[in-house]
Amino acid sequence: MIFKRVNPGRPYPDHGLTAAQWADVPPTQVRLDELVATKTELDLETLLDEDSTYFGDLFAHVVRWRGELYLEDGLHRALRAALQQRTMLHARVHDLQEASA
């Protein structure tokens, strides 16, 4: 199994982070099997594109909410890592509990 599970959509409230605010979150490593995917569809062209991060963040975006890690953005990067038999992914992790407290 690649992910902990697949959830159709985001169960957490809107965090309101912009791309610039995501860029301020330092990347860390997360285990693929601890992530809950929030997207159920994949664009195969993006997955296979060598330069798929050209216009986006180099790191996946993960939201920690109620003890779960939700993969908000970066499904293609995570699947590419799994296909390369890696168990870890570099991601920016935003802790929604801390931000909303």
Protein backbone atom coordinates (compact mmCIF):
# COMPACT_ATOMS: atom_id res chain seq x y z
CA MET A 1 0.00 0.00 0.00
CA ILE A 2 1.33 3.44 -0.91
CA PHE A 3 -0.84 5.66 1.31
CA LYS A 4 -2.54 5.15 4.65
CA ARG A 5 -5.83 5.65 2.78
CA VAL A 6 -7.53 7.74 0.13
CA ASN A 7 -10.10 10.29 1.24
CA PRO A 8 -12.30 11.82 -1.48
CA GLY A 9 -11.71 15.49 -0.65
CA ARG A 10 -10.32 17.50 2.21
CA PRO A 11 -12.00 16.84 5.57
CA TYR A 12 -10.23 19.73 7.29
CA PRO A 13 -11.28 23.40 7.24
CA ASP A 14 -9.78 25.80 4.72
CA HIS A 15 -6.39 26.94 5.96
CA GLY A 16 -6.18 29.92 3.61
CA LEU A 17 -2.45 29.58 2.92
CA THR A 18 -1.16 31.24 -0.23
CA ALA A 19 1.69 29.84 -2.33
CA ALA A 20 4.05 32.35 -0.70
CA GLN A 21 2.97 31.26 2.79
CA TRP A 22 3.47 27.59 1.87
CA ALA A 23 6.98 28.51 0.73
CA ASP A 24 7.74 29.77 4.26
CA VAL A 25 6.98 26.33 5.75
CA PRO A 26 10.27 24.42 6.00
CA PRO A 27 10.27 21.03 4.24
CA THR A 28 10.58 17.84 6.23
CA GLN A 29 10.43 14.14 5.43
CA VAL A 30 7.16 12.25 5.83
CA ARG A 31 6.44 8.56 5.36
CA LEU A 32 4.24 7.78 2.38
CA ASP A 33 2.30 5.17 4.34
CA GLU A 34 1.29 7.81 6.92
CA LEU A 35 -0.29 10.10 4.31
CA VAL A 36 -3.99 10.28 3.53
CA ALA A 37 -4.43 11.25 -0.13
CA THR A 38 -7.15 13.85 -0.75
CA LYS A 39 -7.34 13.41 -4.52
CA THR A 40 -8.77 10.37 -6.23
CA GLU A 41 -7.72 11.18 -9.80
CA LEU A 42 -4.29 11.25 -11.40
CA ASP A 43 -3.09 12.82 -14.63
CA LEU A 44 -0.69 10.27 -16.10
CA GLU A 45 1.06 12.90 -18.25
CA THR A 46 1.94 14.90 -15.14
CA LEU A 47 3.17 11.78 -13.36
CA LEU A 48 5.50 10.89 -16.21
CA ASP A 49 6.67 14.45 -16.94
CA GLU A 50 10.33 14.82 -15.95
CA ASP A 51 9.83 18.54 -15.27
CA SER A 52 6.42 18.47 -13.57
CA THR A 53 7.54 20.80 -10.75
CA TYR A 54 8.69 23.60 -13.07
CA PHE A 55 5.72 25.85 -12.30
CA GLY A 56 4.99 24.59 -8.79
CA ASP A 57 6.57 24.01 -5.43
CA LEU A 58 9.36 21.45 -5.36
CA PHE A 59 7.83 19.96 -2.21
CA ALA A 60 4.47 18.35 -1.57
CA HIS A 61 1.98 20.16 0.67
CA VAL A 62 0.68 18.23 3.68
CA VAL A 63 -1.85 19.38 6.26
CA ARG A 64 -1.74 17.87 9.75
CA TRP A 65 -5.26 17.87 11.20
CA ARG A 66 -6.61 15.84 14.10
CA GLY A 67 -3.54 13.60 14.15
CA GLU A 68 -3.70 12.73 10.43
CA LEU A 69 -1.39 13.85 7.61
CA TYR A 70 -3.38 14.85 4.52
CA LEU A 71 -1.57 15.12 1.19
CA GLU A 72 -3.16 18.28 -0.19
CA ASP A 73 -0.83 18.87 -3.12
CA GLY A 74 1.88 16.65 -4.53
CA LEU A 75 0.08 13.42 -5.41
CA HIS A 76 2.24 13.05 -8.51
CA ARG A 77 5.45 13.53 -6.54
CA ALA A 78 4.33 10.99 -3.93
CA LEU A 79 3.44 8.38 -6.55
CA ARG A 80 6.70 8.97 -8.38
CA ALA A 81 8.56 8.40 -5.08
CA ALA A 82 6.62 5.16 -4.53
CA LEU A 83 7.40 3.97 -8.06
CA GLN A 84 11.08 4.58 -7.28
CA GLN A 85 10.61 2.37 -4.20
CA ARG A 86 11.15 5.23 -1.76
CA THR A 87 9.17 5.24 1.48
CA MET A 88 9.75 8.92 2.34
CA LEU A 89 8.71 12.16 0.69
CA HIS A 90 9.95 15.69 1.28
CA ALA A 91 6.96 17.86 2.09
CA ARG A 92 5.95 21.12 3.69
CA VAL A 93 3.73 20.20 6.64
CA HIS A 94 1.25 22.79 7.91
CA ASP A 95 -0.15 22.00 11.35
CA LEU A 96 -3.74 23.22 11.22
CA GLN A 97 -4.33 22.67 14.96
CA GLU A 98 -1.59 25.12 15.91
CA ALA A 99 -2.69 27.67 13.33
CA SER A 100 -6.32 27.62 14.46
CA ALA A 101 -5.64 27.55 18.20
